[in-house]
């Protein structure tokens, strides 16, 4: 990323304890525990299906959701129901339009108010974010999203539009966790693929909150995506700031 854009990846201190759900490798994510707040989840959405859906299964069980308010959306593969059957599958790909092959999530995001959204759709996160109505994001209590090719024009989206997507998300949410996916490369110490956890600003008492001072990746919370390679060290701003 360009130096003047790095502030868009600032990691802030979470007002809640962070924990991990899912596998200890690629497919598991770090999120904030908000179950005992005034805004519990009323919906779970996983955009993009993986062979290992352990995160979805553990999330749905932990927050007592069901197939009536949990949705898996992917037009490229079937859902591995050995993980959980408490989820409804929509065989469409995420897009900025709605037709027999595509879904822009409007039906879900106009219906619920405290959604957990997990998105890993191989570069299609960018056109969806750029074209969606902003009020969609206000319905998301927490978002885990995997950004692909964040440093350049790859994955079908130019760098400038990727920056616009980060700016859009930062209007409604704060980043509370980042992990680099070591299945991809690194440019100027910034991983090309980033797993980012966003928490809605309504959960924070101060704006902006304090910046993160905890080392990343965090032992026993973060795990290397590909055990064949070393994990990315993110112990520098905007990910980690020195203690004052």
C-alpha atoms as a PDB file:
ATOM      1  CA  UNK A   1       0.000   0.000   0.000  1.00  0.00           C
ATOM      2  CA  UNK A   2       1.029   3.587  -0.494  1.00  0.00           C
ATOM      3  CA  UNK A   3       2.335   5.271   2.637  1.00  0.00           C
ATOM      4  CA  UNK A   4      -0.436   7.881   2.786  1.00  0.00           C
ATOM      5  CA  UNK A   5      -3.113   5.142   2.698  1.00  0.00           C
ATOM      6  CA  UNK A   6      -1.803   3.060   5.594  1.00  0.00           C
ATOM      7  CA  UNK A   7      -3.943   4.905   8.161  1.00  0.00           C
ATOM      8  CA  UNK A   8      -6.954   3.094   6.670  1.00  0.00           C
ATOM      9  CA  UNK A   9      -5.581  -0.114   8.216  1.00  0.00           C
ATOM     10  CA  UNK A  10      -5.208   1.281  11.742  1.00  0.00           C
ATOM     11  CA  UNK A  11      -6.000  -1.364  14.340  1.00  0.00           C
ATOM     12  CA  UNK A  12      -7.781  -0.168  17.484  1.00  0.00           C
ATOM     13  CA  UNK A  13      -8.214  -1.664  20.924  1.00  0.00           C
ATOM     14  CA  UNK A  14     -11.353  -3.760  21.161  1.00  0.00           C
ATOM     15  CA  UNK A  15     -13.816  -2.873  23.946  1.00  0.00           C
ATOM     16  CA  UNK A  16     -14.489  -6.609  24.318  1.00  0.00           C
ATOM     17  CA  UNK A  17     -12.377  -9.713  24.723  1.00  0.00           C
ATOM     18  CA  UNK A  18     -11.208 -11.235  21.450  1.00  0.00           C
ATOM     19  CA  UNK A  19     -11.352 -14.947  20.745  1.00  0.00           C
ATOM     20  CA  UNK A  20     -10.959 -17.313  17.820  1.00  0.00           C
ATOM     21  CA  UNK A  21     -13.499 -19.527  16.091  1.00  0.00           C
ATOM     22  CA  UNK A  22     -12.833 -22.156  13.454  1.00  0.00           C
ATOM     23  CA  UNK A  23      -9.738 -24.074  12.456  1.00  0.00           C
ATOM     24  CA  UNK A  24      -6.294 -23.083  13.708  1.00  0.00           C
ATOM     25  CA  UNK A  25      -5.200 -22.580  10.115  1.00  0.00           C
ATOM     26  CA  UNK A  26      -6.754 -20.901   7.056  1.00  0.00           C
ATOM     27  CA  UNK A  27     -10.501 -20.505   7.656  1.00  0.00           C
ATOM     28  CA  UNK A  28     -10.416 -19.565  11.341  1.00  0.00           C
ATOM     29  CA  UNK A  29     -10.842 -15.944  12.431  1.00  0.00           C
ATOM     30  CA  UNK A  30     -10.430 -13.697  15.470  1.00  0.00           C
ATOM     31  CA  UNK A  31     -13.529 -11.747  16.538  1.00  0.00           C
ATOM     32  CA  UNK A  32     -14.853  -9.757  19.510  1.00  0.00           C
ATOM     33  CA  UNK A  33     -17.237 -11.240  22.070  1.00  0.00           C
ATOM     34  CA  UNK A  34     -20.382  -9.083  22.060  1.00  0.00           C
ATOM     35  CA  UNK A  35     -22.937 -11.676  23.173  1.00  0.00           C
ATOM     36  CA  UNK A  36     -23.808  -9.867  26.414  1.00  0.00           C
ATOM     37  CA  UNK A  37     -24.295  -6.393  24.947  1.00  0.00           C
ATOM     38  CA  UNK A  38     -27.508  -4.581  24.085  1.00  0.00           C
ATOM     39  CA  UNK A  39     -27.029  -5.567  20.464  1.00  0.00           C
ATOM     40  CA  UNK A  40     -26.859  -9.371  20.106  1.00  0.00           C
ATOM     41  CA  UNK A  41     -26.705 -10.956  16.677  1.00  0.00           C
ATOM     42  CA  UNK A  42     -29.948 -11.613  14.849  1.00  0.00           C
ATOM     43  CA  UNK A  43     -28.366 -13.048  11.684  1.00  0.00           C
ATOM     44  CA  UNK A  44     -25.240 -14.798  10.430  1.00  0.00           C
ATOM     45  CA  UNK A  45     -24.016 -14.591   6.827  1.00  0.00           C
ATOM     46  CA  UNK A  46     -21.038 -16.376   5.317  1.00  0.00           C
ATOM     47  CA  UNK A  47     -20.332 -15.075   1.831  1.00  0.00           C
ATOM     48  CA  UNK A  48     -18.130 -17.654   0.185  1.00  0.00           C
ATOM     49  CA  UNK A  49     -18.167 -21.334   1.146  1.00  0.00           C
ATOM     50  CA  UNK A  50     -15.019 -23.236   2.086  1.00  0.00           C
ATOM     51  CA  UNK A  51     -14.315 -26.942   2.436  1.00  0.00           C
ATOM     52  CA  UNK A  52     -13.809 -26.277   6.135  1.00  0.00           C
ATOM     53  CA  UNK A  53     -16.849 -24.465   7.557  1.00  0.00           C
ATOM     54  CA  UNK A  54     -15.814 -24.918  11.193  1.00  0.00           C
ATOM     55  CA  UNK A  55     -16.070 -21.170  11.837  1.00  0.00           C
ATOM     56  CA  UNK A  56     -19.701 -21.095  10.733  1.00  0.00           C
ATOM     57  CA  UNK A  57     -20.592 -24.197  12.727  1.00  0.00           C
ATOM     58  CA  UNK A  58     -19.008 -22.869  15.926  1.00  0.00           C
ATOM     59  CA  UNK A  59     -20.486 -19.390  15.500  1.00  0.00           C
ATOM     60  CA  UNK A  60     -24.028 -20.658  14.893  1.00  0.00           C
ATOM     61  CA  UNK A  61     -23.821 -22.964  17.904  1.00  0.00           C
ATOM     62  CA  UNK A  62     -22.294 -20.327  20.197  1.00  0.00           C
ATOM     63  CA  UNK A  63     -24.945 -17.716  19.418  1.00  0.00           C
ATOM     64  CA  UNK A  64     -27.875 -20.153  19.133  1.00  0.00           C
ATOM     65  CA  UNK A  65     -28.764 -19.282  15.573  1.00  0.00           C
ATOM     66  CA  UNK A  66     -30.538 -21.560  13.089  1.00  0.00           C
ATOM     67  CA  UNK A  67     -31.254 -22.156   9.414  1.00  0.00           C
ATOM     68  CA  UNK A  68     -33.905 -19.428   9.664  1.00  0.00           C
ATOM     69  CA  UNK A  69     -31.371 -16.655  10.305  1.00  0.00           C
ATOM     70  CA  UNK A  70     -28.067 -18.149   9.099  1.00  0.00           C
ATOM     71  CA  UNK A  71     -27.136 -18.028   5.418  1.00  0.00           C
ATOM     72  CA  UNK A  72     -24.316 -19.402   3.271  1.00  0.00           C
ATOM     73  CA  UNK A  73     -24.026 -17.731  -0.131  1.00  0.00           C
ATOM     74  CA  UNK A  74     -21.903 -19.176  -2.923  1.00  0.00           C
ATOM     75  CA  UNK A  75     -22.676 -20.156  -6.497  1.00  0.00           C
ATOM     76  CA  UNK A  76     -19.504 -22.146  -7.063  1.00  0.00           C
ATOM     77  CA  UNK A  77     -19.645 -25.024  -4.573  1.00  0.00           C
ATOM     78  CA  UNK A  78     -21.968 -27.014  -2.337  1.00  0.00           C
ATOM     79  CA  UNK A  79     -22.088 -26.543   1.408  1.00  0.00           C
ATOM     80  CA  UNK A  80     -20.265 -29.167   3.542  1.00  0.00           C
ATOM     81  CA  UNK A  81     -23.170 -30.043   5.846  1.00  0.00           C
ATOM     82  CA  UNK A  82     -20.993 -32.288   8.006  1.00  0.00           C
ATOM     83  CA  UNK A  83     -20.066 -29.088   9.854  1.00  0.00           C
ATOM     84  CA  UNK A  84     -23.612 -27.882  10.539  1.00  0.00           C
ATOM     85  CA  UNK A  85     -27.102 -28.213   9.143  1.00  0.00           C
ATOM     86  CA  UNK A  86     -28.374 -25.092  10.896  1.00  0.00           C
ATOM     87  CA  UNK A  87     -27.809 -22.904   7.858  1.00  0.00           C
ATOM     88  CA  UNK A  88     -29.680 -22.040   4.663  1.00  0.00           C
ATOM     89  CA  UNK A  89     -27.697 -22.149   1.420  1.00  0.00           C
ATOM     90  CA  UNK A  90     -28.207 -19.656  -1.385  1.00  0.00           C
ATOM     91  CA  UNK A  91     -26.557 -20.928  -4.567  1.00  0.00           C
ATOM     92  CA  UNK A  92     -25.650 -17.526  -5.966  1.00  0.00           C
ATOM     93  CA  UNK A  93     -22.504 -15.434  -6.154  1.00  0.00           C
ATOM     94  CA  UNK A  94     -22.176 -12.112  -4.347  1.00  0.00           C
ATOM     95  CA  UNK A  95     -22.513  -9.225  -6.789  1.00  0.00           C
ATOM     96  CA  UNK A  96     -23.874  -5.700  -7.087  1.00  0.00           C
ATOM     97  CA  UNK A  97     -26.986  -7.053  -8.854  1.00  0.00           C
ATOM     98  CA  UNK A  98     -29.762  -9.554  -8.155  1.00  0.00           C
ATOM     99  CA  UNK A  99     -30.673 -12.179 -10.739  1.00  0.00           C
ATOM    100  CA  UNK A 100     -30.861 -15.978 -10.985  1.00  0.00           C
ATOM    101  CA  UNK A 101     -27.061 -16.277 -10.575  1.00  0.00           C
ATOM    102  CA  UNK A 102     -26.173 -13.273  -8.392  1.00  0.00           C
ATOM    103  CA  UNK A 103     -27.134 -11.808  -5.024  1.00  0.00           C
ATOM    104  CA  UNK A 104     -26.289  -8.400  -3.546  1.00  0.00           C
ATOM    105  CA  UNK A 105     -27.531  -9.341  -0.027  1.00  0.00           C
ATOM    106  CA  UNK A 106     -30.272  -6.692  -0.038  1.00  0.00           C
ATOM    107  CA  UNK A 107     -32.973  -9.139   1.068  1.00  0.00           C
ATOM    108  CA  UNK A 108     -30.965 -10.119   4.142  1.00  0.00           C
ATOM    109  CA  UNK A 109     -29.510  -6.727   5.013  1.00  0.00           C
ATOM    110  CA  UNK A 110     -32.867  -4.973   4.780  1.00  0.00           C
ATOM    111  CA  UNK A 111     -34.430  -7.567   7.069  1.00  0.00           C
ATOM    112  CA  UNK A 112     -31.968  -7.800   9.986  1.00  0.00           C
ATOM    113  CA  UNK A 113     -30.327  -5.209  12.213  1.00  0.00           C
ATOM    114  CA  UNK A 114     -27.358  -6.905  13.927  1.00  0.00           C
ATOM    115  CA  UNK A 115     -25.710  -9.154  11.367  1.00  0.00           C
ATOM    116  CA  UNK A 116     -22.406 -10.969  11.605  1.00  0.00           C
ATOM    117  CA  UNK A 117     -20.948 -10.967   8.105  1.00  0.00           C
ATOM    118  CA  UNK A 118     -18.039 -13.198   7.096  1.00  0.00           C
ATOM    119  CA  UNK A 119     -16.815 -12.589   3.550  1.00  0.00           C
ATOM    120  CA  UNK A 120     -14.143 -14.416   1.559  1.00  0.00           C
ATOM    121  CA  UNK A 121     -15.118 -14.192  -2.118  1.00  0.00           C
ATOM    122  CA  UNK A 122     -11.813 -14.026  -3.974  1.00  0.00           C
ATOM    123  CA  UNK A 123     -11.715 -10.364  -4.986  1.00  0.00           C
ATOM    124  CA  UNK A 124     -15.457  -9.837  -5.468  1.00  0.00           C
ATOM    125  CA  UNK A 125     -15.563  -8.041  -2.114  1.00  0.00           C
ATOM    126  CA  UNK A 126     -14.472  -4.869  -3.896  1.00  0.00           C
ATOM    127  CA  UNK A 127     -17.249  -4.412  -6.495  1.00  0.00           C
ATOM    128  CA  UNK A 128     -19.819  -5.401  -3.868  1.00  0.00           C
ATOM    129  CA  UNK A 129     -18.587  -2.828  -1.355  1.00  0.00           C
ATOM    130  CA  UNK A 130     -18.308  -0.030  -3.905  1.00  0.00           C
ATOM    131  CA  UNK A 131     -21.831  -0.536  -5.261  1.00  0.00           C
ATOM    132  CA  UNK A 132     -23.808  -1.405  -2.121  1.00  0.00           C
ATOM    133  CA  UNK A 133     -26.003   1.144  -0.296  1.00  0.00           C
ATOM    134  CA  UNK A 134     -24.157   2.461   2.764  1.00  0.00           C
ATOM    135  CA  UNK A 135     -27.040   1.508   5.074  1.00  0.00           C
ATOM    136  CA  UNK A 136     -26.117  -2.145   4.486  1.00  0.00           C
ATOM    137  CA  UNK A 137     -23.028  -1.652   6.645  1.00  0.00           C
ATOM    138  CA  UNK A 138     -25.007  -0.110   9.501  1.00  0.00           C
ATOM    139  CA  UNK A 139     -26.785  -3.457   9.903  1.00  0.00           C
ATOM    140  CA  UNK A 140     -23.500  -5.333  10.428  1.00  0.00           C
ATOM    141  CA  UNK A 141     -22.527  -5.617  14.078  1.00  0.00           C
ATOM    142  CA  UNK A 142     -19.244  -7.259  13.149  1.00  0.00           C
ATOM    143  CA  UNK A 143     -17.531  -8.113   9.878  1.00  0.00           C
ATOM    144  CA  UNK A 144     -14.699 -10.482   9.067  1.00  0.00           C
ATOM    145  CA  UNK A 145     -13.535  -9.891   5.522  1.00  0.00           C
ATOM    146  CA  UNK A 146     -10.601 -11.187   3.527  1.00  0.00           C
ATOM    147  CA  UNK A 147      -9.182  -8.516   1.229  1.00  0.00           C
ATOM    148  CA  UNK A 148      -7.266  -9.829  -1.790  1.00  0.00           C
ATOM    149  CA  UNK A 149      -4.437  -8.038  -3.601  1.00  0.00           C
ATOM    150  CA  UNK A 150      -4.639  -5.008  -1.314  1.00  0.00           C
ATOM    151  CA  UNK A 151      -1.326  -3.595  -2.590  1.00  0.00           C
ATOM    152  CA  UNK A 152      -1.963  -3.376  -6.325  1.00  0.00           C
ATOM    153  CA  UNK A 153      -4.380  -3.632  -9.256  1.00  0.00           C
ATOM    154  CA  UNK A 154      -4.770  -7.408  -9.089  1.00  0.00           C
ATOM    155  CA  UNK A 155      -7.926  -9.522  -8.552  1.00  0.00           C
ATOM    156  CA  UNK A 156      -9.894  -7.500 -11.109  1.00  0.00           C
ATOM    157  CA  UNK A 157     -10.004  -4.228  -9.172  1.00  0.00           C
ATOM    158  CA  UNK A 158      -7.713  -1.208  -9.420  1.00  0.00           C
ATOM    159  CA  UNK A 159      -5.806  -0.048  -6.352  1.00  0.00           C
ATOM    160  CA  UNK A 160      -7.776   3.206  -6.100  1.00  0.00           C
ATOM    161  CA  UNK A 161     -11.082   1.334  -5.834  1.00  0.00           C
ATOM    162  CA  UNK A 162      -9.647  -0.924  -3.149  1.00  0.00           C
ATOM    163  CA  UNK A 163      -8.768   2.163  -1.143  1.00  0.00           C
ATOM    164  CA  UNK A 164     -12.337   3.421  -1.599  1.00  0.00           C
ATOM    165  CA  UNK A 165     -13.589   0.175  -0.081  1.00  0.00           C
ATOM    166  CA  UNK A 166     -11.429   0.652   3.006  1.00  0.00           C
ATOM    167  CA  UNK A 167     -12.697   4.220   3.329  1.00  0.00           C
ATOM    168  CA  UNK A 168     -16.306   3.029   3.112  1.00  0.00           C
ATOM    169  CA  UNK A 169     -15.846   0.465   5.873  1.00  0.00           C
ATOM    170  CA  UNK A 170     -14.073   2.977   8.097  1.00  0.00           C
ATOM    171  CA  UNK A 171     -17.135   5.243   8.090  1.00  0.00           C
ATOM    172  CA  UNK A 172     -19.158   2.740  10.126  1.00  0.00           C
ATOM    173  CA  UNK A 173     -16.654   0.372  11.757  1.00  0.00           C
ATOM    174  CA  UNK A 174     -13.272   0.243  13.479  1.00  0.00           C
ATOM    175  CA  UNK A 175     -10.667  -2.415  12.771  1.00  0.00           C
ATOM    176  CA  UNK A 176      -9.981  -4.473  15.904  1.00  0.00           C
ATOM    177  CA  UNK A 177      -7.828  -7.226  14.396  1.00  0.00           C
ATOM    178  CA  UNK A 178      -5.718  -7.950  11.330  1.00  0.00           C
ATOM    179  CA  UNK A 179      -3.867 -11.053  10.252  1.00  0.00           C
ATOM    180  CA  UNK A 180      -1.821 -11.550   7.106  1.00  0.00           C
ATOM    181  CA  UNK A 181      -2.612 -14.580   4.969  1.00  0.00           C
ATOM    182  CA  UNK A 182       0.759 -16.133   4.174  1.00  0.00           C
ATOM    183  CA  UNK A 183      -0.605 -18.076   1.204  1.00  0.00           C
ATOM    184  CA  UNK A 184       0.068 -14.867  -0.750  1.00  0.00           C
ATOM    185  CA  UNK A 185       3.008 -12.500  -1.022  1.00  0.00           C
ATOM    186  CA  UNK A 186       3.979  -9.302   0.751  1.00  0.00           C
ATOM    187  CA  UNK A 187       4.777  -5.817  -0.596  1.00  0.00           C
ATOM    188  CA  UNK A 188       6.720  -3.300   1.524  1.00  0.00           C
ATOM    189  CA  UNK A 189       5.922  -5.394   4.616  1.00  0.00           C
ATOM    190  CA  UNK A 190       2.164  -5.283   3.913  1.00  0.00           C
ATOM    191  CA  UNK A 191       0.657  -8.717   3.156  1.00  0.00           C
ATOM    192  CA  UNK A 192      -1.142  -8.811  -0.178  1.00  0.00           C
ATOM    193  CA  UNK A 193      -4.068 -10.689   1.416  1.00  0.00           C
ATOM    194  CA  UNK A 194      -5.384  -9.451   4.760  1.00  0.00           C
ATOM    195  CA  UNK A 195      -7.956 -10.974   7.121  1.00  0.00           C
ATOM    196  CA  UNK A 196      -9.592  -7.981   8.816  1.00  0.00           C
ATOM    197  CA  UNK A 197     -12.096  -7.905  11.677  1.00  0.00           C
ATOM    198  CA  UNK A 198     -14.342  -4.830  11.850  1.00  0.00           C
ATOM    199  CA  UNK A 199     -16.515  -3.928  14.854  1.00  0.00           C
ATOM    200  CA  UNK A 200     -19.402  -1.454  14.534  1.00  0.00           C
ATOM    201  CA  UNK A 201     -18.683   1.984  16.000  1.00  0.00           C
ATOM    202  CA  UNK A 202     -21.775   1.790  18.222  1.00  0.00           C
ATOM    203  CA  UNK A 203     -19.823  -0.484  20.584  1.00  0.00           C
ATOM    204  CA  UNK A 204     -17.132   2.102  21.325  1.00  0.00           C
ATOM    205  CA  UNK A 205     -17.365   4.829  23.973  1.00  0.00           C
ATOM    206  CA  UNK A 206     -14.698   7.088  22.471  1.00  0.00           C
ATOM    207  CA  UNK A 207     -14.084   8.047  18.851  1.00  0.00           C
ATOM    208  CA  UNK A 208     -11.537   7.213  17.735  1.00  0.00           C
ATOM    209  CA  UNK A 209     -10.665   4.599  20.356  1.00  0.00           C
ATOM    210  CA  UNK A 210      -7.108   3.938  21.517  1.00  0.00           C
ATOM    211  CA  UNK A 211      -4.801   2.347  18.985  1.00  0.00           C
ATOM    212  CA  UNK A 212      -3.734  -1.257  19.361  1.00  0.00           C
ATOM    213  CA  UNK A 213      -0.513  -1.869  21.320  1.00  0.00           C
ATOM    214  CA  UNK A 214      -0.666  -5.699  21.424  1.00  0.00           C
ATOM    215  CA  UNK A 215       1.739  -7.629  19.228  1.00  0.00           C
ATOM    216  CA  UNK A 216       0.373  -9.143  16.006  1.00  0.00           C
ATOM    217  CA  UNK A 217       0.101 -11.963  15.257  1.00  0.00           C
ATOM    218  CA  UNK A 218      -0.978 -12.758  18.825  1.00  0.00           C
ATOM    219  CA  UNK A 219       0.109 -16.166  20.176  1.00  0.00           C
ATOM    220  CA  UNK A 220      -2.714 -18.615  20.952  1.00  0.00           C
ATOM    221  CA  UNK A 221      -5.111 -16.394  19.021  1.00  0.00           C
ATOM    222  CA  UNK A 222      -3.575 -16.095  15.572  1.00  0.00           C
ATOM    223  CA  UNK A 223      -2.327 -19.125  13.675  1.00  0.00           C
ATOM    224  CA  UNK A 224      -0.404 -19.321  10.433  1.00  0.00           C
ATOM    225  CA  UNK A 225      -2.685 -19.945   7.435  1.00  0.00           C
ATOM    226  CA  UNK A 226      -0.172 -22.146   5.651  1.00  0.00           C
ATOM    227  CA  UNK A 227       2.065 -24.098   8.064  1.00  0.00           C
ATOM    228  CA  UNK A 228       4.668 -24.488   5.305  1.00  0.00           C
ATOM    229  CA  UNK A 229       5.543 -20.793   5.506  1.00  0.00           C
ATOM    230  CA  UNK A 230       6.367 -18.322   8.253  1.00  0.00           C
ATOM    231  CA  UNK A 231       3.595 -16.043   9.482  1.00  0.00           C
ATOM    232  CA  UNK A 232       3.767 -12.320   8.670  1.00  0.00           C
ATOM    233  CA  UNK A 233       5.063 -10.037  11.428  1.00  0.00           C
ATOM    234  CA  UNK A 234       2.796  -6.985  11.760  1.00  0.00           C
ATOM    235  CA  UNK A 235       4.440  -5.327  14.754  1.00  0.00           C
ATOM    236  CA  UNK A 236       4.589  -1.827  13.345  1.00  0.00           C
ATOM    237  CA  UNK A 237       2.084   0.997  12.689  1.00  0.00           C
ATOM    238  CA  UNK A 238      -0.701   1.018  11.602  1.00  0.00           C
ATOM    239  CA  UNK A 239      -1.188  -2.471  13.054  1.00  0.00           C
ATOM    240  CA  UNK A 240       0.657  -2.119  16.351  1.00  0.00           C
ATOM    241  CA  UNK A 241       1.634   1.135  18.059  1.00  0.00           C
ATOM    242  CA  UNK A 242       4.202   1.537  20.852  1.00  0.00           C
ATOM    243  CA  UNK A 243       3.008   2.032  24.422  1.00  0.00           C
ATOM    244  CA  UNK A 244       2.795   5.703  25.357  1.00  0.00           C
END
